[in-house]
Structure formats: C-alpha cells, structure tokens
Amino acid sequence: MNPFTRRGGKLACEGVLLATIADAVGTPVYVYSQGAMEEAYRSLQKSLMAAKPKHGFDICYAVKANPNLAVIETFARLGAGADVVSEGELRRALAAGVPAKQIVFSGVGKSRNEIAFAL
C-alpha cells in the first residue's frame, strides 16, 4: 500500500490532499498514514505468527521513535505494547492507552523518582 498518491497532480495521503491539511493546520506539519502503520503492524504480526515461536512474542512500539500520541494510540489499539526509556515516555504510553503490563521500561540511568513512578 502506498498511502501517498497524486490527485490531479497534487500530493495526497489516504486520499486527502496535503495542501488541504496544510491550509487547515498550517505548516510545517507532519502527516502520517494510519493505514500504512496498521498494515505494517499486521504484516509483522503475521510474519511472527507464521514462524510459530516456541515462547510467543510481544510487539512493542519504541516511543522514542515517534512520541506522537496518535501514533502510539494506533499501535496500542492493534495490541502493541510500548518500549520506553524515561518517565516522560512512560507517561505518553499510558496516556495513549497502552496497558501498564505491556510497557517495557528499558535502559540505564533511571532516577529513583522514575523507578518509583514506574513501579
């Protein structure tokens, strides 16, 4: 799926002209394709399931990659957990609807307050 296409010579995402989005919210603006994210997630999930892992698997979205709440929410709705490295990222994952039991708080250098919050 290529969500970015041309309509009448103008660039569109999932059928919506980017110029229309820019007019509505201003620029600069980041435009993401929910359909493309969902397709990529389902493709990964299908591939992992086809491999028949002996011990199962969890897919976790790395919040550091893009902390946009709508992006995190999209993956959370699909069942993804979240990989976070700070209290701020942890708070974003929770706000986006990722269940606490599906959040991996990884990395080094955590403060006592961050660890206390995570617990």
PDB file of N, CA and C in Angstrom:
ATOM      1  N   MET A   1       0.840  -1.180   0.000  1.00  0.00           N
ATOM      2  CA  MET A   1       0.000   0.000   0.000  1.00  0.00           C
ATOM      3  C   MET A   1       0.880   1.235   0.000  1.00  0.00           C
ATOM      4  N   ASN A   2       0.601   2.135  -0.875  1.00  0.00           N
ATOM      5  CA  ASN A   2       1.274   3.421  -0.853  1.00  0.00           C
ATOM      6  C   ASN A   2       0.219   4.470  -0.541  1.00  0.00           C
ATOM      7  N   PRO A   3       0.195   4.946   0.687  1.00  0.00           N
ATOM      8  CA  PRO A   3      -0.846   5.900   1.069  1.00  0.00           C
ATOM      9  C   PRO A   3      -0.650   7.275   0.444  1.00  0.00           C
ATOM     10  N   PHE A   4       0.556   7.546  -0.049  1.00  0.00           N
ATOM     11  CA  PHE A   4       0.839   8.846  -0.648  1.00  0.00           C
ATOM     12  C   PHE A   4       0.737   8.717  -2.164  1.00  0.00           C
ATOM     13  N   THR A   5      -0.247   9.401  -2.699  1.00  0.00           N
ATOM     14  CA  THR A   5      -0.519   9.337  -4.129  1.00  0.00           C
ATOM     15  C   THR A   5      -0.704  10.758  -4.658  1.00  0.00           C
ATOM     16  N   ARG A   6      -0.894  10.851  -5.947  1.00  0.00           N
ATOM     17  CA  ARG A   6      -1.168  12.156  -6.558  1.00  0.00           C
ATOM     18  C   ARG A   6      -2.621  12.180  -7.013  1.00  0.00           C
ATOM     19  N   ARG A   7      -3.277  13.292  -6.708  1.00  0.00           N
ATOM     20  CA  ARG A   7      -4.648  13.535  -7.167  1.00  0.00           C
ATOM     21  C   ARG A   7      -4.631  14.834  -7.944  1.00  0.00           C
ATOM     22  N   GLY A   8      -4.864  14.724  -9.227  1.00  0.00           N
ATOM     23  CA  GLY A   8      -4.829  15.925 -10.062  1.00  0.00           C
ATOM     24  C   GLY A   8      -3.482  16.609 -10.017  1.00  0.00           C
ATOM     25  N   GLY A   9      -2.411  15.822  -9.906  1.00  0.00           N
ATOM     26  CA  GLY A   9      -1.065  16.378  -9.858  1.00  0.00           C
ATOM     27  C   GLY A   9      -0.642  16.877  -8.491  1.00  0.00           C
ATOM     28  N   LYS A  10      -1.507  16.742  -7.493  1.00  0.00           N
ATOM     29  CA  LYS A  10      -1.190  17.211  -6.141  1.00  0.00           C
ATOM     30  C   LYS A  10      -1.051  16.025  -5.203  1.00  0.00           C
ATOM     31  N   LEU A  11      -0.109  16.140  -4.282  1.00  0.00           N
ATOM     32  CA  LEU A  11       0.171  15.058  -3.356  1.00  0.00           C
ATOM     33  C   LEU A  11      -0.942  14.907  -2.328  1.00  0.00           C
ATOM     34  N   ALA A  12      -1.320  13.639  -2.082  1.00  0.00           N
ATOM     35  CA  ALA A  12      -2.369  13.326  -1.116  1.00  0.00           C
ATOM     36  C   ALA A  12      -1.928  12.160  -0.239  1.00  0.00           C
ATOM     37  N   CYS A  13      -2.494  12.086   0.946  1.00  0.00           N
ATOM     38  CA  CYS A  13      -2.270  10.959   1.853  1.00  0.00           C
ATOM     39  C   CYS A  13      -3.621  10.345   2.159  1.00  0.00           C
ATOM     40  N   GLU A  14      -3.758   9.081   1.820  1.00  0.00           N
ATOM     41  CA  GLU A  14      -5.024   8.362   2.014  1.00  0.00           C
ATOM     42  C   GLU A  14      -6.190   9.150   1.429  1.00  0.00           C
ATOM     43  N   GLY A  15      -5.953   9.760   0.267  1.00  0.00           N
ATOM     44  CA  GLY A  15      -6.998  10.471  -0.446  1.00  0.00           C
ATOM     45  C   GLY A  15      -7.216  11.917  -0.037  1.00  0.00           C
ATOM     46  N   VAL A  16      -6.523  12.374   1.004  1.00  0.00           N
ATOM     47  CA  VAL A  16      -6.676  13.755   1.465  1.00  0.00           C
ATOM     48  C   VAL A  16      -5.505  14.573   0.926  1.00  0.00           C
ATOM     49  N   LEU A  17      -5.815  15.648   0.227  1.00  0.00           N
ATOM     50  CA  LEU A  17      -4.760  16.494  -0.317  1.00  0.00           C
ATOM     51  C   LEU A  17      -3.933  17.102   0.817  1.00  0.00           C
ATOM     52  N   LEU A  18      -2.610  17.027   0.684  1.00  0.00           N
ATOM     53  CA  LEU A  18      -1.750  17.602   1.708  1.00  0.00           C
ATOM     54  C   LEU A  18      -1.934  19.120   1.790  1.00  0.00           C
ATOM     55  N   ALA A  19      -2.248  19.752   0.687  1.00  0.00           N
ATOM     56  CA  ALA A  19      -2.497  21.198   0.698  1.00  0.00           C
ATOM     57  C   ALA A  19      -3.711  21.526   1.564  1.00  0.00           C
ATOM     58  N   THR A  20      -4.707  20.655   1.559  1.00  0.00           N
ATOM     59  CA  THR A  20      -5.901  20.852   2.386  1.00  0.00           C
ATOM     60  C   THR A  20      -5.528  20.784   3.866  1.00  0.00           C
ATOM     61  N   ILE A  21      -4.674  19.824   4.209  1.00  0.00           N
ATOM     62  CA  ILE A  21      -4.223  19.681   5.592  1.00  0.00           C
ATOM     63  C   ILE A  21      -3.418  20.912   5.992  1.00  0.00           C
ATOM     64  N   ALA A  22      -2.499  21.327   5.134  1.00  0.00           N
ATOM     65  CA  ALA A  22      -1.669  22.498   5.437  1.00  0.00           C
ATOM     66  C   ALA A  22      -2.513  23.751   5.602  1.00  0.00           C
ATOM     67  N   ASP A  23      -3.535  23.898   4.777  1.00  0.00           N
ATOM     68  CA  ASP A  23      -4.430  25.056   4.901  1.00  0.00           C
ATOM     69  C   ASP A  23      -5.182  25.031   6.229  1.00  0.00           C
ATOM     70  N   ALA A  24      -5.538  23.826   6.687  1.00  0.00           N
ATOM     71  CA  ALA A  24      -6.333  23.696   7.912  1.00  0.00           C
ATOM     72  C   ALA A  24      -5.507  23.903   9.183  1.00  0.00           C
ATOM     73  N   VAL A  25      -4.249  23.412   9.179  1.00  0.00           N
ATOM     74  CA  VAL A  25      -3.460  23.445  10.425  1.00  0.00           C
ATOM     75  C   VAL A  25      -2.185  24.265  10.327  1.00  0.00           C
ATOM     76  N   GLY A  26      -1.849  24.716   9.147  1.00  0.00           N
ATOM     77  CA  GLY A  26      -0.615  25.471   8.966  1.00  0.00           C
ATOM     78  C   GLY A  26       0.568  24.569   8.676  1.00  0.00           C
ATOM     79  N   THR A  27       1.699  25.210   8.483  1.00  0.00           N
ATOM     80  CA  THR A  27       2.932  24.469   8.212  1.00  0.00           C
ATOM     81  C   THR A  27       4.026  25.006   9.124  1.00  0.00           C
ATOM     82  N   PRO A  28       5.036  24.232   9.424  1.00  0.00           N
ATOM     83  CA  PRO A  28       5.210  22.854   8.957  1.00  0.00           C
ATOM     84  C   PRO A  28       4.235  21.913   9.661  1.00  0.00           C
ATOM     85  N   VAL A  29       3.964  20.796   9.017  1.00  0.00           N
ATOM     86  CA  VAL A  29       3.054  19.782   9.571  1.00  0.00           C
ATOM     87  C   VAL A  29       3.579  18.403   9.189  1.00  0.00           C
ATOM     88  N   TYR A  30       3.465  17.488  10.120  1.00  0.00           N
ATOM     89  CA  TYR A  30       3.815  16.097   9.848  1.00  0.00           C
ATOM     90  C   TYR A  30       2.538  15.346   9.544  1.00  0.00           C
ATOM     91  N   VAL A  31       2.542  14.554   8.476  1.00  0.00           N
ATOM     92  CA  VAL A  31       1.372  13.783   8.080  1.00  0.00           C
ATOM     93  C   VAL A  31       1.756  12.309   8.075  1.00  0.00           C
ATOM     94  N   TYR A  32       1.009  11.530   8.832  1.00  0.00           N
ATOM     95  CA  TYR A  32       1.251  10.087   8.934  1.00  0.00           C
ATOM     96  C   TYR A  32       0.062   9.342   8.359  1.00  0.00           C
ATOM     97  N   SER A  33       0.312   8.175   7.819  1.00  0.00           N
ATOM     98  CA  SER A  33      -0.753   7.333   7.297  1.00  0.00           C
ATOM     99  C   SER A  33      -1.081   6.256   8.318  1.00  0.00           C
ATOM    100  N   GLN A  34      -2.264   6.375   8.918  1.00  0.00           N
ATOM    101  CA  GLN A  34      -2.696   5.355   9.871  1.00  0.00           C
ATOM    102  C   GLN A  34      -2.819   4.003   9.169  1.00  0.00           C
ATOM    103  N   GLY A  35      -3.339   4.013   7.957  1.00  0.00           N
ATOM    104  CA  GLY A  35      -3.479   2.771   7.202  1.00  0.00           C
ATOM    105  C   GLY A  35      -2.151   2.076   6.967  1.00  0.00           C
ATOM    106  N   ALA A  36      -1.120   2.842   6.645  1.00  0.00           N
ATOM    107  CA  ALA A  36       0.200   2.255   6.408  1.00  0.00           C
ATOM    108  C   ALA A  36       0.787   1.693   7.703  1.00  0.00           C
ATOM    109  N   MET A  37       0.589   2.413   8.816  1.00  0.00           N
ATOM    110  CA  MET A  37       1.086   1.906  10.102  1.00  0.00           C
ATOM    111  C   MET A  37       0.380   0.609  10.471  1.00  0.00           C
ATOM    112  N   GLU A  38      -0.936   0.573  10.286  1.00  0.00           N
ATOM    113  CA  GLU A  38      -1.698  -0.633  10.602  1.00  0.00           C
ATOM    114  C   GLU A  38      -1.273  -1.801   9.713  1.00  0.00           C
ATOM    115  N   GLU A  39      -1.069  -1.527   8.440  1.00  0.00           N
ATOM    116  CA  GLU A  39      -0.648  -2.578   7.509  1.00  0.00           C
ATOM    117  C   GLU A  39       0.728  -3.128   7.887  1.00  0.00           C
ATOM    118  N   ALA A  40       1.650  -2.255   8.232  1.00  0.00           N
ATOM    119  CA  ALA A  40       2.996  -2.700   8.624  1.00  0.00           C
ATOM    120  C   ALA A  40       2.936  -3.533   9.905  1.00  0.00           C
ATOM    121  N   TYR A  41       2.128  -3.100  10.865  1.00  0.00           N
ATOM    122  CA  TYR A  41       1.991  -3.853  12.125  1.00  0.00           C
ATOM    123  C   TYR A  41       1.426  -5.245  11.856  1.00  0.00           C
ATOM    124  N   ARG A  42       0.349  -5.294  11.088  1.00  0.00           N
ATOM    125  CA  ARG A  42      -0.288  -6.594  10.804  1.00  0.00           C
ATOM    126  C   ARG A  42       0.634  -7.510  10.016  1.00  0.00           C
ATOM    127  N   SER A  43       1.428  -6.942   9.127  1.00  0.00           N
ATOM    128  CA  SER A  43       2.393  -7.740   8.362  1.00  0.00           C
ATOM    129  C   SER A  43       3.452  -8.335   9.285  1.00  0.00           C
ATOM    130  N   LEU A  44       3.965  -7.525  10.205  1.00  0.00           N
ATOM    131  CA  LEU A  44       4.946  -8.024  11.173  1.00  0.00           C
ATOM    132  C   LEU A  44       4.323  -9.098  12.048  1.00  0.00           C
ATOM    133  N   GLN A  45       3.129  -8.847  12.538  1.00  0.00           N
ATOM    134  CA  GLN A  45       2.436  -9.805  13.402  1.00  0.00           C
ATOM    135  C   GLN A  45       2.210 -11.129  12.665  1.00  0.00           C
ATOM    136  N   LYS A  46       1.775 -11.041  11.431  1.00  0.00           N
ATOM    137  CA  LYS A  46       1.530 -12.240  10.623  1.00  0.00           C
ATOM    138  C   LYS A  46       2.823 -13.026  10.413  1.00  0.00           C
ATOM    139  N   SER A  47       3.917 -12.326  10.132  1.00  0.00           N
ATOM    140  CA  SER A  47       5.207 -12.989   9.926  1.00  0.00           C
ATOM    141  C   SER A  47       5.682 -13.687  11.194  1.00  0.00           C
ATOM    142  N   LEU A  48       5.519 -13.017  12.325  1.00  0.00           N
ATOM    143  CA  LEU A  48       5.938 -13.626  13.587  1.00  0.00           C
ATOM    144  C   LEU A  48       5.071 -14.829  13.933  1.00  0.00           C
ATOM    145  N   MET A  49       3.788 -14.740  13.664  1.00  0.00           N
ATOM    146  CA  MET A  49       2.888 -15.859  13.940  1.00  0.00           C
ATOM    147  C   MET A  49       3.200 -17.039  13.025  1.00  0.00           C
ATOM    148  N   ALA A  50       3.571 -16.753  11.786  1.00  0.00           N
ATOM    149  CA  ALA A  50       3.902 -17.818  10.837  1.00  0.00           C
ATOM    150  C   ALA A  50       5.154 -18.567  11.260  1.00  0.00           C
ATOM    151  N   ALA A  51       6.043 -17.878  11.963  1.00  0.00           N
ATOM    152  CA  ALA A  51       7.274 -18.516  12.431  1.00  0.00           C
ATOM    153  C   ALA A  51       7.002 -19.465  13.590  1.00  0.00           C
ATOM    154  N   LYS A  52       5.790 -19.425  14.140  1.00  0.00           N
ATOM    155  CA  LYS A  52       5.379 -20.266  15.257  1.00  0.00           C
ATOM    156  C   LYS A  52       6.412 -20.260  16.382  1.00  0.00           C
ATOM    157  N   PRO A  53       6.611 -19.104  16.984  1.00  0.00           N
ATOM    158  CA  PRO A  53       7.606 -19.014  18.052  1.00  0.00           C
ATOM    159  C   PRO A  53       7.234 -19.909  19.228  1.00  0.00           C
ATOM    160  N   LYS A  54       8.226 -20.591  19.736  1.00  0.00           N
ATOM    161  CA  LYS A  54       8.037 -21.546  20.826  1.00  0.00           C
ATOM    162  C   LYS A  54       7.523 -20.868  22.089  1.00  0.00           C
ATOM    163  N   HIS A  55       7.974 -19.671  22.346  1.00  0.00           N
ATOM    164  CA  HIS A  55       7.639 -18.996  23.594  1.00  0.00           C
ATOM    165  C   HIS A  55       6.747 -17.774  23.402  1.00  0.00           C
ATOM    166  N   GLY A  56       6.156 -17.623  22.237  1.00  0.00           N
ATOM    167  CA  GLY A  56       5.306 -16.474  21.993  1.00  0.00           C
ATOM    168  C   GLY A  56       6.123 -15.222  21.727  1.00  0.00           C
ATOM    169  N   PHE A  57       5.448 -14.115  21.593  1.00  0.00           N
ATOM    170  CA  PHE A  57       6.136 -12.861  21.322  1.00  0.00           C
ATOM    171  C   PHE A  57       5.241 -11.696  21.698  1.00  0.00           C
ATOM    172  N   ASP A  58       5.855 -10.576  21.913  1.00  0.00           N
ATOM    173  CA  ASP A  58       5.161  -9.321  22.137  1.00  0.00           C
ATOM    174  C   ASP A  58       5.743  -8.308  21.168  1.00  0.00           C
ATOM    175  N   ILE A  59       4.901  -7.502  20.582  1.00  0.00           N
ATOM    176  CA  ILE A  59       5.362  -6.413  19.740  1.00  0.00           C
ATOM    177  C   ILE A  59       5.228  -5.142  20.563  1.00  0.00           C
ATOM    178  N   CYS A  60       6.334  -4.435  20.697  1.00  0.00           N
ATOM    179  CA  CYS A  60       6.330  -3.182  21.457  1.00  0.00           C
ATOM    180  C   CYS A  60       6.824  -2.048  20.563  1.00  0.00           C
ATOM    181  N   TYR A  61       6.082  -0.962  20.581  1.00  0.00           N
ATOM    182  CA  TYR A  61       6.443   0.220  19.806  1.00  0.00           C
ATOM    183  C   TYR A  61       7.454   1.035  20.604  1.00  0.00           C
ATOM    184  N   ALA A  62       8.560   1.419  19.964  1.00  0.00           N
ATOM    185  CA  ALA A  62       9.580   2.246  20.612  1.00  0.00           C
ATOM    186  C   ALA A  62       9.111   3.700  20.597  1.00  0.00           C
ATOM    187  N   VAL A  63       8.660   4.180  21.736  1.00  0.00           N
ATOM    188  CA  VAL A  63       8.113   5.528  21.839  1.00  0.00           C
ATOM    189  C   VAL A  63       9.143   6.571  21.431  1.00  0.00           C
ATOM    190  N   LYS A  64      10.417   6.282  21.666  1.00  0.00           N
ATOM    191  CA  LYS A  64      11.478   7.208  21.274  1.00  0.00           C
ATOM    192  C   LYS A  64      11.461   7.463  19.763  1.00  0.00           C
ATOM    193  N   ALA A  65      11.020   6.491  18.979  1.00  0.00           N
ATOM    194  CA  ALA A  65      10.997   6.644  17.520  1.00  0.00           C
ATOM    195  C   ALA A  65      10.064   7.765  17.084  1.00  0.00           C
ATOM    196  N   ASN A  66       8.948   7.897  17.786  1.00  0.00           N
ATOM    197  CA  ASN A  66       7.989   8.953  17.466  1.00  0.00           C
ATOM    198  C   ASN A  66       7.007   9.039  18.635  1.00  0.00           C
ATOM    199  N   PRO A  67       7.110  10.068  19.461  1.00  0.00           N
ATOM    200  CA  PRO A  67       6.258  10.170  20.643  1.00  0.00           C
ATOM    201  C   PRO A  67       4.875  10.769  20.385  1.00  0.00           C
ATOM    202  N   ASN A  68       4.473  10.876  19.135  1.00  0.00           N
ATOM    203  CA  ASN A  68       3.169  11.421  18.789  1.00  0.00           C
ATOM    204  C   ASN A  68       2.080  10.523  19.383  1.00  0.00           C
ATOM    205  N   LEU A  69       1.178  11.106  20.190  1.00  0.00           N
ATOM    206  CA  LEU A  69       0.146  10.311  20.861  1.00  0.00           C
ATOM    207  C   LEU A  69      -0.729   9.532  19.883  1.00  0.00           C
ATOM    208  N   ALA A  70      -1.065  10.121  18.752  1.00  0.00           N
ATOM    209  CA  ALA A  70      -1.911   9.421  17.777  1.00  0.00           C
ATOM    210  C   ALA A  70      -1.197   8.198  17.213  1.00  0.00           C
ATOM    211  N   VAL A  71       0.107   8.293  17.023  1.00  0.00           N
ATOM    212  CA  VAL A  71       0.878   7.149  16.531  1.00  0.00           C
ATOM    213  C   VAL A  71       0.895   6.047  17.588  1.00  0.00           C
ATOM    214  N   ILE A  72       1.184   6.414  18.827  1.00  0.00           N
ATOM    215  CA  ILE A  72       1.220   5.427  19.911  1.00  0.00           C
ATOM    216  C   ILE A  72      -0.162   4.792  20.084  1.00  0.00           C
ATOM    217  N   GLU A  73      -1.218   5.598  20.040  1.00  0.00           N
ATOM    218  CA  GLU A  73      -2.589   5.088  20.160  1.00  0.00           C
ATOM    219  C   GLU A  73      -2.915   4.095  19.049  1.00  0.00           C
ATOM    220  N   THR A  74      -2.469   4.381  17.839  1.00  0.00           N
ATOM    221  CA  THR A  74      -2.725   3.474  16.713  1.00  0.00           C
ATOM    222  C   THR A  74      -2.152   2.098  17.005  1.00  0.00           C
ATOM    223  N   PHE A  75      -0.904   2.053  17.446  1.00  0.00           N
ATOM    224  CA  PHE A  75      -0.288   0.756  17.738  1.00  0.00           C
ATOM    225  C   PHE A  75      -0.902   0.106  18.974  1.00  0.00           C
ATOM    226  N   ALA A  76      -1.264   0.893  19.970  1.00  0.00           N
ATOM    227  CA  ALA A  76      -1.900   0.341  21.174  1.00  0.00           C
ATOM    228  C   ALA A  76      -3.224  -0.328  20.816  1.00  0.00           C
ATOM    229  N   ARG A  77      -4.024   0.309  19.948  1.00  0.00           N
ATOM    230  CA  ARG A  77      -5.303  -0.284  19.532  1.00  0.00           C
ATOM    231  C   ARG A  77      -5.108  -1.621  18.830  1.00  0.00           C
ATOM    232  N   LEU A  78      -3.967  -1.775  18.173  1.00  0.00           N
ATOM    233  CA  LEU A  78      -3.676  -3.028  17.473  1.00  0.00           C
ATOM    234  C   LEU A  78      -3.143  -4.094  18.418  1.00  0.00           C
ATOM    235  N   GLY A  79      -2.855  -3.706  19.658  1.00  0.00           N
ATOM    236  CA  GLY A  79      -2.374  -4.677  20.641  1.00  0.00           C
ATOM    237  C   GLY A  79      -0.911  -4.547  20.998  1.00  0.00           C
ATOM    238  N   ALA A  80      -0.232  -3.564  20.433  1.00  0.00           N
ATOM    239  CA  ALA A  80       1.193  -3.397  20.713  1.00  0.00           C
ATOM    240  C   ALA A  80       1.407  -2.855  22.117  1.00  0.00           C
ATOM    241  N   GLY A  81       2.514  -3.267  22.697  1.00  0.00           N
ATOM    242  CA  GLY A  81       2.978  -2.669  23.931  1.00  0.00           C
ATOM    243  C   GLY A  81       3.843  -1.479  23.575  1.00  0.00           C
ATOM    244  N   ALA A  82       4.580  -0.985  24.553  1.00  0.00           N
ATOM    245  CA  ALA A  82       5.464   0.155  24.310  1.00  0.00           C
ATOM    246  C   ALA A  82       6.806  -0.086  24.983  1.00  0.00           C
ATOM    247  N   ASP A  83       7.856   0.319  24.311  1.00  0.00           N
ATOM    248  CA  ASP A  83       9.201   0.317  24.873  1.00  0.00           C
ATOM    249  C   ASP A  83       9.521   1.772  25.181  1.00  0.00           C
ATOM    250  N   VAL A  84       9.789   2.053  26.461  1.00  0.00           N
ATOM    251  CA  VAL A  84      10.053   3.425  26.891  1.00  0.00           C
ATOM    252  C   VAL A  84      11.360   3.486  27.656  1.00  0.00           C
ATOM    253  N   VAL A  85      11.978   4.674  27.672  1.00  0.00           N
ATOM    254  CA  VAL A  85      13.258   4.823  28.375  1.00  0.00           C
ATOM    255  C   VAL A  85      13.253   5.953  29.393  1.00  0.00           C
ATOM    256  N   SER A  86      12.111   6.626  29.546  1.00  0.00           N
ATOM    257  CA  SER A  86      12.050   7.722  30.503  1.00  0.00           C
ATOM    258  C   SER A  86      10.647   7.808  31.093  1.00  0.00           C
ATOM    259  N   GLU A  87      10.544   8.554  32.183  1.00  0.00           N
ATOM    260  CA  GLU A  87       9.225   8.756  32.783  1.00  0.00           C
ATOM    261  C   GLU A  87       8.289   9.472  31.815  1.00  0.00           C
ATOM    262  N   GLY A  88       8.819  10.417  31.065  1.00  0.00           N
ATOM    263  CA  GLY A  88       8.001  11.130  30.091  1.00  0.00           C
ATOM    264  C   GLY A  88       7.429  10.198  29.032  1.00  0.00           C
ATOM    265  N   GLU A  89       8.258   9.306  28.517  1.00  0.00           N
ATOM    266  CA  GLU A  89       7.777   8.342  27.525  1.00  0.00           C
ATOM    267  C   GLU A  89       6.779   7.384  28.158  1.00  0.00           C
ATOM    268  N   LEU A  90       7.024   6.991  29.391  1.00  0.00           N
ATOM    269  CA  LEU A  90       6.097   6.117  30.106  1.00  0.00           C
ATOM    270  C   LEU A  90       4.743   6.796  30.249  1.00  0.00           C
ATOM    271  N   ARG A  91       4.751   8.059  30.619  1.00  0.00           N
ATOM    272  CA  ARG A  91       3.501   8.810  30.760  1.00  0.00           C
ATOM    273  C   ARG A  91       2.773   8.918  29.419  1.00  0.00           C
ATOM    274  N   ARG A  92       3.506   9.104  28.324  1.00  0.00           N
ATOM    275  CA  ARG A  92       2.888   9.202  27.000  1.00  0.00           C
ATOM    276  C   ARG A  92       2.248   7.867  26.617  1.00  0.00           C
ATOM    277  N   ALA A  93       2.948   6.777  26.878  1.00  0.00           N
ATOM    278  CA  ALA A  93       2.405   5.452  26.543  1.00  0.00           C
ATOM    279  C   ALA A  93       1.114   5.198  27.320  1.00  0.00           C
ATOM    280  N   LEU A  94       1.118   5.512  28.605  1.00  0.00           N
ATOM    281  CA  LEU A  94      -0.088   5.331  29.419  1.00  0.00           C
ATOM    282  C   LEU A  94      -1.217   6.225  28.913  1.00  0.00           C
ATOM    283  N   ALA A  95      -0.900   7.467  28.584  1.00  0.00           N
ATOM    284  CA  ALA A  95      -1.911   8.406  28.085  1.00  0.00           C
ATOM    285  C   ALA A  95      -2.502   7.936  26.750  1.00  0.00           C
ATOM    286  N   ALA A  96      -1.702   7.207  25.978  1.00  0.00           N
ATOM    287  CA  ALA A  96      -2.155   6.719  24.675  1.00  0.00           C
ATOM    288  C   ALA A  96      -2.946   5.422  24.785  1.00  0.00           C
ATOM    289  N   GLY A  97      -3.066   4.895  26.005  1.00  0.00           N
ATOM    290  CA  GLY A  97      -3.872   3.699  26.191  1.00  0.00           C
ATOM    291  C   GLY A  97      -3.119   2.389  26.211  1.00  0.00           C
ATOM    292  N   VAL A  98      -1.803   2.434  26.295  1.00  0.00           N
ATOM    293  CA  VAL A  98      -1.036   1.193  26.395  1.00  0.00           C
ATOM    294  C   VAL A  98      -1.190   0.671  27.829  1.00  0.00           C
ATOM    295  N   PRO A  99      -1.652  -0.567  27.995  1.00  0.00           N
ATOM    296  CA  PRO A  99      -1.772  -1.106  29.350  1.00  0.00           C
ATOM    297  C   PRO A  99      -0.402  -1.175  30.029  1.00  0.00           C
ATOM    298  N   ALA A 100      -0.359  -0.829  31.314  1.00  0.00           N
ATOM    299  CA  ALA A 100       0.910  -0.807  32.049  1.00  0.00           C
ATOM    300  C   ALA A 100       1.655  -2.128  31.939  1.00  0.00           C
ATOM    301  N   LYS A 101       0.929  -3.244  31.952  1.00  0.00           N
ATOM    302  CA  LYS A 101       1.589  -4.555  31.892  1.00  0.00           C
ATOM    303  C   LYS A 101       2.234  -4.826  30.530  1.00  0.00           C
ATOM    304  N   GLN A 102       1.962  -3.966  29.540  1.00  0.00           N
ATOM    305  CA  GLN A 102       2.553  -4.128  28.216  1.00  0.00           C
ATOM    306  C   GLN A 102       3.624  -3.072  27.930  1.00  0.00           C
ATOM    307  N   ILE A 103       4.124  -2.445  28.975  1.00  0.00           N
ATOM    308  CA  ILE A 103       5.155  -1.422  28.796  1.00  0.00           C
ATOM    309  C   ILE A 103       6.473  -1.946  29.333  1.00  0.00           C
ATOM    310  N   VAL A 104       7.508  -1.865  28.501  1.00  0.00           N
ATOM    311  CA  VAL A 104       8.859  -2.240  28.887  1.00  0.00           C
ATOM    312  C   VAL A 104       9.612  -0.949  29.174  1.00  0.00           C
ATOM    313  N   PHE A 105      10.082  -0.809  30.409  1.00  0.00           N
ATOM    314  CA  PHE A 105      10.829   0.384  30.825  1.00  0.00           C
ATOM    315  C   PHE A 105      12.297   0.000  30.782  1.00  0.00           C
ATOM    316  N   SER A 106      12.963   0.327  29.685  1.00  0.00           N
ATOM    317  CA  SER A 106      14.318  -0.172  29.465  1.00  0.00           C
ATOM    318  C   SER A 106      15.365   0.926  29.580  1.00  0.00           C
ATOM    319  N   GLY A 107      16.615   0.515  29.512  1.00  0.00           N
ATOM    320  CA  GLY A 107      17.716   1.461  29.527  1.00  0.00           C
ATOM    321  C   GLY A 107      18.336   1.627  30.900  1.00  0.00           C
ATOM    322  N   VAL A 108      19.362   2.437  30.929  1.00  0.00           N
ATOM    323  CA  VAL A 108      20.106   2.660  32.173  1.00  0.00           C
ATOM    324  C   VAL A 108      19.926   4.109  32.625  1.00  0.00           C
ATOM    325  N   GLY A 109      20.412   4.403  33.814  1.00  0.00           N
ATOM    326  CA  GLY A 109      20.431   5.776  34.283  1.00  0.00           C
ATOM    327  C   GLY A 109      19.082   6.290  34.749  1.00  0.00           C
ATOM    328  N   LYS A 110      18.289   5.453  35.367  1.00  0.00           N
ATOM    329  CA  LYS A 110      16.978   5.880  35.855  1.00  0.00           C
ATOM    330  C   LYS A 110      17.125   6.518  37.236  1.00  0.00           C
ATOM    331  N   SER A 111      16.411   7.588  37.469  1.00  0.00           N
ATOM    332  CA  SER A 111      16.412   8.227  38.796  1.00  0.00           C
ATOM    333  C   SER A 111      15.513   7.424  39.732  1.00  0.00           C
ATOM    334  N   ARG A 112      15.662   7.637  40.996  1.00  0.00           N
ATOM    335  CA  ARG A 112      14.785   6.977  41.986  1.00  0.00           C
ATOM    336  C   ARG A 112      13.323   7.348  41.731  1.00  0.00           C
ATOM    337  N   ASN A 113      13.096   8.602  41.391  1.00  0.00           N
ATOM    338  CA  ASN A 113      11.723   9.043  41.125  1.00  0.00           C
ATOM    339  C   ASN A 113      11.126   8.328  39.912  1.00  0.00           C
ATOM    340  N   GLU A 114      11.918   8.152  38.848  1.00  0.00           N
ATOM    341  CA  GLU A 114      11.430   7.458  37.659  1.00  0.00           C
ATOM    342  C   GLU A 114      11.108   6.010  37.990  1.00  0.00           C
ATOM    343  N   ILE A 115      11.989   5.367  38.730  1.00  0.00           N
ATOM    344  CA  ILE A 115      11.752   3.969  39.097  1.00  0.00           C
ATOM    345  C   ILE A 115      10.513   3.865  39.980  1.00  0.00           C
ATOM    346  N   ALA A 116      10.376   4.765  40.945  1.00  0.00           N
ATOM    347  CA  ALA A 116       9.212   4.759  41.827  1.00  0.00           C
ATOM    348  C   ALA A 116       7.928   4.957  41.004  1.00  0.00           C
ATOM    349  N   PHE A 117       7.953   5.890  40.064  1.00  0.00           N
ATOM    350  CA  PHE A 117       6.774   6.121  39.232  1.00  0.00           C
ATOM    351  C   PHE A 117       6.431   4.872  38.416  1.00  0.00           C
ATOM    352  N   ALA A 118       7.457   4.260  37.829  1.00  0.00           N
ATOM    353  CA  ALA A 118       7.231   3.077  37.000  1.00  0.00           C
ATOM    354  C   ALA A 118       6.638   1.930  37.808  1.00  0.00           C
ATOM    355  N   LEU A 119       7.114   1.785  39.014  1.00  0.00           N
ATOM    356  CA  LEU A 119       6.582   0.712  39.869  1.00  0.00           C
ATOM    357  C   LEU A 119       5.160   1.018  40.264  1.00  0.00           C
TER     358      LEU A 119
END
